[in-house]
N, C-alpha and C. Protein backbone atom coordinates (compact mmCIF):
# COMPACT_ATOMS: atom_id res chain seq x y z
N MET A 1 -15.22 -64.00 10.63
CA MET A 1 -16.12 -63.00 10.10
C MET A 1 -16.04 -63.03 8.59
N SER A 2 -17.18 -62.84 7.96
CA SER A 2 -17.28 -62.81 6.51
C SER A 2 -17.93 -61.51 6.10
N ARG A 3 -17.26 -60.71 5.23
CA ARG A 3 -17.80 -59.40 4.84
C ARG A 3 -17.76 -59.26 3.32
N THR A 4 -18.86 -58.77 2.73
CA THR A 4 -18.94 -58.54 1.29
C THR A 4 -19.66 -57.22 1.05
N LYS A 5 -19.15 -56.43 0.10
CA LYS A 5 -19.81 -55.18 -0.27
C LYS A 5 -20.32 -55.31 -1.70
N PHE A 6 -21.57 -54.88 -1.93
CA PHE A 6 -22.22 -54.95 -3.23
C PHE A 6 -22.65 -53.55 -3.67
N THR A 7 -22.75 -53.37 -4.98
CA THR A 7 -23.29 -52.13 -5.53
C THR A 7 -24.28 -52.46 -6.64
N MET A 8 -25.20 -51.53 -6.89
CA MET A 8 -26.15 -51.67 -7.99
C MET A 8 -26.56 -50.27 -8.40
N THR A 9 -26.65 -50.02 -9.70
CA THR A 9 -27.12 -48.74 -10.19
C THR A 9 -28.20 -48.98 -11.22
N GLY A 10 -28.99 -47.94 -11.46
CA GLY A 10 -30.02 -48.03 -12.48
C GLY A 10 -31.37 -47.63 -11.94
N GLU A 11 -32.14 -46.98 -12.77
CA GLU A 11 -33.46 -46.50 -12.37
C GLU A 11 -34.47 -47.63 -12.23
N ASN A 12 -34.30 -48.69 -13.00
CA ASN A 12 -35.29 -49.77 -13.02
C ASN A 12 -35.06 -50.82 -11.93
N ALA A 13 -34.01 -50.67 -11.17
CA ALA A 13 -33.70 -51.64 -10.12
C ALA A 13 -34.69 -51.51 -8.97
N LYS A 14 -34.85 -52.60 -8.22
CA LYS A 14 -35.74 -52.57 -7.05
C LYS A 14 -35.23 -51.57 -6.03
N SER A 15 -36.15 -51.01 -5.27
CA SER A 15 -35.76 -50.12 -4.17
C SER A 15 -35.20 -50.98 -3.04
N ILE A 16 -34.46 -50.35 -2.15
CA ILE A 16 -33.90 -51.13 -1.03
C ILE A 16 -35.00 -51.61 -0.09
N ARG A 17 -36.13 -50.92 -0.06
CA ARG A 17 -37.27 -51.41 0.76
C ARG A 17 -37.78 -52.74 0.21
N GLU A 18 -37.86 -52.84 -1.11
CA GLU A 18 -38.28 -54.11 -1.73
C GLU A 18 -37.25 -55.20 -1.49
N VAL A 19 -35.97 -54.86 -1.62
CA VAL A 19 -34.91 -55.84 -1.39
C VAL A 19 -34.93 -56.29 0.07
N ALA A 20 -35.12 -55.36 1.00
CA ALA A 20 -35.19 -55.71 2.43
C ALA A 20 -36.34 -56.68 2.68
N GLY A 21 -37.48 -56.44 2.05
CA GLY A 21 -38.62 -57.34 2.21
C GLY A 21 -38.31 -58.74 1.71
N ASP A 22 -37.62 -58.82 0.58
CA ASP A 22 -37.22 -60.12 0.05
C ASP A 22 -36.23 -60.83 0.97
N LEU A 23 -35.28 -60.08 1.52
CA LEU A 23 -34.32 -60.67 2.46
C LEU A 23 -35.04 -61.21 3.70
N ARG A 24 -36.00 -60.44 4.22
CA ARG A 24 -36.76 -60.89 5.40
C ARG A 24 -37.48 -62.21 5.12
N ARG A 25 -38.04 -62.34 3.92
CA ARG A 25 -38.80 -63.55 3.57
C ARG A 25 -37.90 -64.74 3.24
N GLU A 26 -36.77 -64.50 2.57
CA GLU A 26 -35.98 -65.59 2.02
C GLU A 26 -34.86 -66.10 2.92
N ILE A 27 -34.38 -65.29 3.83
CA ILE A 27 -33.31 -65.76 4.73
C ILE A 27 -33.95 -66.60 5.82
N LYS A 28 -33.47 -67.81 5.95
CA LYS A 28 -34.03 -68.77 6.91
C LYS A 28 -33.38 -68.57 8.27
N ALA A 29 -33.82 -67.51 8.95
CA ALA A 29 -33.29 -67.19 10.27
C ALA A 29 -34.23 -66.21 10.95
N GLU A 30 -33.99 -65.98 12.23
CA GLU A 30 -34.81 -65.03 12.98
C GLU A 30 -34.32 -63.61 12.72
N LEU A 31 -35.26 -62.73 12.33
CA LEU A 31 -34.95 -61.31 12.20
C LEU A 31 -34.97 -60.71 13.60
N VAL A 32 -33.82 -60.32 14.09
CA VAL A 32 -33.69 -59.81 15.45
C VAL A 32 -34.09 -58.34 15.52
N SER A 33 -33.68 -57.56 14.50
CA SER A 33 -33.98 -56.14 14.50
C SER A 33 -33.91 -55.58 13.08
N GLU A 34 -34.68 -54.53 12.85
CA GLU A 34 -34.64 -53.82 11.57
C GLU A 34 -34.64 -52.33 11.88
N ILE A 35 -33.70 -51.61 11.30
CA ILE A 35 -33.56 -50.18 11.53
C ILE A 35 -33.64 -49.47 10.19
N CYS A 36 -34.52 -48.47 10.08
CA CYS A 36 -34.68 -47.70 8.85
C CYS A 36 -34.43 -46.23 9.17
N ARG A 37 -33.59 -45.57 8.37
CA ARG A 37 -33.29 -44.15 8.58
C ARG A 37 -33.18 -43.45 7.22
N GLU A 38 -33.53 -42.17 7.21
CA GLU A 38 -33.28 -41.30 6.06
C GLU A 38 -32.40 -40.17 6.53
N MET A 39 -31.28 -39.96 5.80
CA MET A 39 -30.32 -38.92 6.19
C MET A 39 -29.76 -38.27 4.93
N ASN A 40 -29.81 -36.98 4.86
CA ASN A 40 -29.21 -36.22 3.76
C ASN A 40 -29.58 -36.76 2.39
N GLY A 41 -30.84 -37.12 2.19
CA GLY A 41 -31.29 -37.62 0.91
C GLY A 41 -31.00 -39.08 0.64
N ALA A 42 -30.42 -39.76 1.60
CA ALA A 42 -30.12 -41.19 1.46
C ALA A 42 -31.01 -41.99 2.41
N GLU A 43 -31.36 -43.18 1.98
CA GLU A 43 -32.15 -44.08 2.83
C GLU A 43 -31.25 -45.25 3.23
N VAL A 44 -31.32 -45.62 4.50
CA VAL A 44 -30.50 -46.71 5.03
C VAL A 44 -31.40 -47.69 5.77
N ILE A 45 -31.23 -48.99 5.47
CA ILE A 45 -31.95 -50.04 6.18
C ILE A 45 -30.92 -51.04 6.69
N VAL A 46 -30.99 -51.35 7.98
CA VAL A 46 -30.10 -52.33 8.58
C VAL A 46 -30.95 -53.50 9.09
N LEU A 47 -30.62 -54.71 8.64
CA LEU A 47 -31.31 -55.92 9.06
C LEU A 47 -30.33 -56.78 9.87
N LEU A 48 -30.78 -57.25 11.03
CA LEU A 48 -29.94 -58.09 11.89
C LEU A 48 -30.64 -59.43 12.08
N PHE A 49 -29.95 -60.50 11.71
CA PHE A 49 -30.48 -61.86 11.80
C PHE A 49 -29.63 -62.70 12.75
N GLU A 50 -30.25 -63.76 13.27
CA GLU A 50 -29.56 -64.72 14.14
C GLU A 50 -30.04 -66.12 13.77
N LYS A 51 -29.10 -67.05 13.77
CA LYS A 51 -29.44 -68.43 13.41
C LYS A 51 -28.62 -69.40 14.25
N TYR A 52 -29.27 -70.47 14.70
CA TYR A 52 -28.59 -71.51 15.47
C TYR A 52 -28.04 -72.56 14.52
N TYR A 53 -26.78 -72.92 14.71
CA TYR A 53 -26.14 -73.98 13.92
C TYR A 53 -25.88 -75.19 14.81
N LEU A 54 -26.57 -76.26 14.51
CA LEU A 54 -26.46 -77.49 15.30
C LEU A 54 -25.07 -78.10 15.20
N ARG A 55 -24.44 -77.99 14.03
CA ARG A 55 -23.14 -78.65 13.81
C ARG A 55 -22.06 -78.21 14.79
N ASN A 56 -22.17 -76.98 15.30
CA ASN A 56 -21.19 -76.55 16.31
C ASN A 56 -21.86 -76.03 17.58
N GLY A 57 -23.18 -76.14 17.64
CA GLY A 57 -23.90 -75.80 18.87
C GLY A 57 -23.83 -74.34 19.26
N SER A 58 -23.86 -73.43 18.28
CA SER A 58 -23.81 -72.01 18.63
C SER A 58 -24.59 -71.18 17.61
N TYR A 59 -24.75 -69.92 17.94
CA TYR A 59 -25.48 -68.99 17.09
C TYR A 59 -24.51 -68.20 16.22
N ALA A 60 -24.95 -67.91 14.99
CA ALA A 60 -24.21 -67.01 14.10
C ALA A 60 -25.10 -65.81 13.85
N GLY A 61 -24.48 -64.67 13.60
CA GLY A 61 -25.22 -63.45 13.33
C GLY A 61 -24.97 -62.98 11.91
N LEU A 62 -25.93 -62.24 11.38
CA LEU A 62 -25.82 -61.69 10.03
C LEU A 62 -26.35 -60.26 10.06
N THR A 63 -25.56 -59.32 9.58
CA THR A 63 -25.98 -57.94 9.45
C THR A 63 -25.95 -57.57 7.98
N VAL A 64 -27.06 -57.01 7.48
CA VAL A 64 -27.14 -56.53 6.11
C VAL A 64 -27.52 -55.06 6.17
N MET A 65 -26.66 -54.18 5.62
CA MET A 65 -26.95 -52.75 5.57
C MET A 65 -27.18 -52.36 4.11
N LEU A 66 -28.37 -51.88 3.82
CA LEU A 66 -28.74 -51.45 2.48
C LEU A 66 -28.79 -49.93 2.47
N THR A 67 -28.17 -49.30 1.45
CA THR A 67 -28.14 -47.85 1.34
C THR A 67 -28.57 -47.46 -0.06
N GLU A 68 -29.43 -46.44 -0.14
CA GLU A 68 -29.90 -45.96 -1.45
C GLU A 68 -29.79 -44.44 -1.47
N CYS A 69 -29.08 -43.94 -2.47
CA CYS A 69 -28.94 -42.50 -2.66
C CYS A 69 -29.09 -42.24 -4.16
N GLY A 70 -30.25 -41.75 -4.56
CA GLY A 70 -30.52 -41.57 -5.98
C GLY A 70 -30.61 -42.92 -6.67
N ASP A 71 -29.86 -43.08 -7.76
CA ASP A 71 -29.87 -44.34 -8.51
C ASP A 71 -28.87 -45.35 -7.96
N GLU A 72 -28.02 -44.94 -7.03
CA GLU A 72 -26.99 -45.85 -6.51
C GLU A 72 -27.47 -46.56 -5.26
N LYS A 73 -27.30 -47.87 -5.27
CA LYS A 73 -27.66 -48.69 -4.11
C LYS A 73 -26.44 -49.52 -3.72
N THR A 74 -26.21 -49.63 -2.42
CA THR A 74 -25.13 -50.48 -1.93
C THR A 74 -25.67 -51.41 -0.86
N ALA A 75 -24.99 -52.51 -0.69
CA ALA A 75 -25.34 -53.46 0.37
C ALA A 75 -24.04 -53.96 1.00
N ASP A 76 -23.99 -53.95 2.30
CA ASP A 76 -22.87 -54.51 3.05
C ASP A 76 -23.41 -55.70 3.82
N VAL A 77 -22.75 -56.84 3.67
CA VAL A 77 -23.19 -58.08 4.32
C VAL A 77 -22.06 -58.55 5.24
N VAL A 78 -22.37 -58.75 6.51
CA VAL A 78 -21.37 -59.21 7.48
C VAL A 78 -21.95 -60.39 8.25
N GLY A 79 -21.32 -61.55 8.10
CA GLY A 79 -21.66 -62.73 8.90
C GLY A 79 -20.64 -62.84 10.02
N PHE A 80 -21.09 -63.13 11.23
CA PHE A 80 -20.17 -63.18 12.36
C PHE A 80 -20.63 -64.20 13.39
N GLY A 81 -19.74 -64.50 14.32
CA GLY A 81 -20.06 -65.45 15.39
C GLY A 81 -20.07 -66.87 14.87
N GLY A 82 -20.82 -67.70 15.53
CA GLY A 82 -20.96 -69.09 15.11
C GLY A 82 -19.88 -70.01 15.65
N GLY A 83 -18.96 -69.47 16.42
CA GLY A 83 -17.90 -70.30 16.97
C GLY A 83 -18.37 -71.03 18.21
N GLY A 84 -17.81 -72.20 18.41
CA GLY A 84 -18.18 -72.97 19.59
C GLY A 84 -17.00 -73.77 20.11
N GLY A 85 -17.15 -74.28 21.27
CA GLY A 85 -16.11 -75.10 21.87
C GLY A 85 -14.97 -74.26 22.45
N MET A 86 -13.97 -74.95 22.94
CA MET A 86 -12.85 -74.27 23.60
C MET A 86 -12.02 -73.44 22.63
N VAL A 87 -11.94 -73.85 21.37
CA VAL A 87 -11.14 -73.10 20.40
C VAL A 87 -11.99 -72.17 19.55
N ASN A 88 -13.30 -72.13 19.81
CA ASN A 88 -14.21 -71.21 19.15
C ASN A 88 -14.25 -71.37 17.63
N TRP A 89 -14.20 -72.61 17.13
CA TRP A 89 -14.29 -72.87 15.70
C TRP A 89 -15.71 -72.70 15.22
N SER A 90 -15.86 -72.01 14.10
CA SER A 90 -17.21 -71.80 13.56
C SER A 90 -17.56 -72.82 12.48
N PHE A 91 -16.58 -73.56 11.98
CA PHE A 91 -16.80 -74.52 10.89
C PHE A 91 -17.51 -73.86 9.71
N GLY A 92 -17.23 -72.58 9.48
CA GLY A 92 -17.80 -71.86 8.35
C GLY A 92 -19.23 -71.40 8.52
N ALA A 93 -19.76 -71.45 9.74
CA ALA A 93 -21.16 -71.08 9.98
C ALA A 93 -21.42 -69.63 9.56
N ASN A 94 -20.54 -68.69 9.94
CA ASN A 94 -20.79 -67.28 9.61
C ASN A 94 -20.70 -67.04 8.11
N ALA A 95 -19.79 -67.72 7.42
CA ALA A 95 -19.67 -67.57 5.97
C ALA A 95 -20.89 -68.17 5.26
N ASP A 96 -21.37 -69.32 5.73
CA ASP A 96 -22.57 -69.92 5.15
C ASP A 96 -23.79 -69.01 5.32
N PHE A 97 -23.89 -68.39 6.47
CA PHE A 97 -25.00 -67.50 6.76
C PHE A 97 -24.96 -66.28 5.83
N ALA A 98 -23.78 -65.69 5.68
CA ALA A 98 -23.62 -64.53 4.80
C ALA A 98 -23.90 -64.90 3.35
N LYS A 99 -23.55 -66.13 2.97
CA LYS A 99 -23.76 -66.57 1.59
C LYS A 99 -25.24 -66.54 1.20
N GLN A 100 -26.14 -66.81 2.15
CA GLN A 100 -27.57 -66.74 1.88
C GLN A 100 -27.96 -65.34 1.38
N ALA A 101 -27.50 -64.31 2.08
CA ALA A 101 -27.80 -62.93 1.69
C ALA A 101 -27.11 -62.59 0.38
N ASN A 102 -25.87 -63.04 0.20
CA ASN A 102 -25.13 -62.74 -1.04
C ASN A 102 -25.87 -63.26 -2.26
N ILE A 103 -26.39 -64.47 -2.19
CA ILE A 103 -27.11 -65.08 -3.31
C ILE A 103 -28.37 -64.28 -3.64
N ILE A 104 -29.10 -63.87 -2.63
CA ILE A 104 -30.33 -63.09 -2.84
C ILE A 104 -30.00 -61.75 -3.48
N LEU A 105 -28.97 -61.06 -2.98
CA LEU A 105 -28.60 -59.76 -3.53
C LEU A 105 -28.15 -59.86 -4.98
N GLN A 106 -27.38 -60.89 -5.31
CA GLN A 106 -26.92 -61.06 -6.68
C GLN A 106 -28.10 -61.35 -7.61
N LYS A 107 -29.11 -62.05 -7.10
CA LYS A 107 -30.30 -62.34 -7.88
C LYS A 107 -31.02 -61.05 -8.29
N TYR A 108 -30.93 -60.02 -7.47
CA TYR A 108 -31.60 -58.75 -7.76
C TYR A 108 -30.70 -57.74 -8.43
N GLY A 109 -29.55 -58.14 -8.91
CA GLY A 109 -28.70 -57.26 -9.70
C GLY A 109 -27.56 -56.59 -8.97
N PHE A 110 -27.38 -56.89 -7.68
CA PHE A 110 -26.22 -56.35 -6.98
C PHE A 110 -24.98 -57.12 -7.43
N SER A 111 -23.86 -56.42 -7.55
CA SER A 111 -22.62 -57.09 -7.92
C SER A 111 -21.56 -56.79 -6.85
N VAL A 112 -20.67 -57.73 -6.66
CA VAL A 112 -19.62 -57.60 -5.65
C VAL A 112 -18.69 -56.47 -6.06
N GLU A 113 -18.41 -55.58 -5.12
CA GLU A 113 -17.53 -54.43 -5.38
C GLU A 113 -16.08 -54.83 -5.24
């Protein structure tokens, strides 16, 4: 499993809805589900992706949770699965998958917490 937490502040930054749209377009994988909620003045978007990796013959999953409360935005990226064979080796599939989202988020001003 690969997990990274990002933060971004500032009034001029993109909204998490815009960032979610960019993630949907730029991540080369199937969007399995998208969940949007507003709670106590905060907006939360959860994106779930799935991708097949030929090198180990299995699927890896990616979850991106975007949260916006006022000027503060956070993103949690979790890559998981991707293991195959009797010893369930992923050969870095879940980390590679998470790296796609990490690069996109950093491009929009998110920094690793």
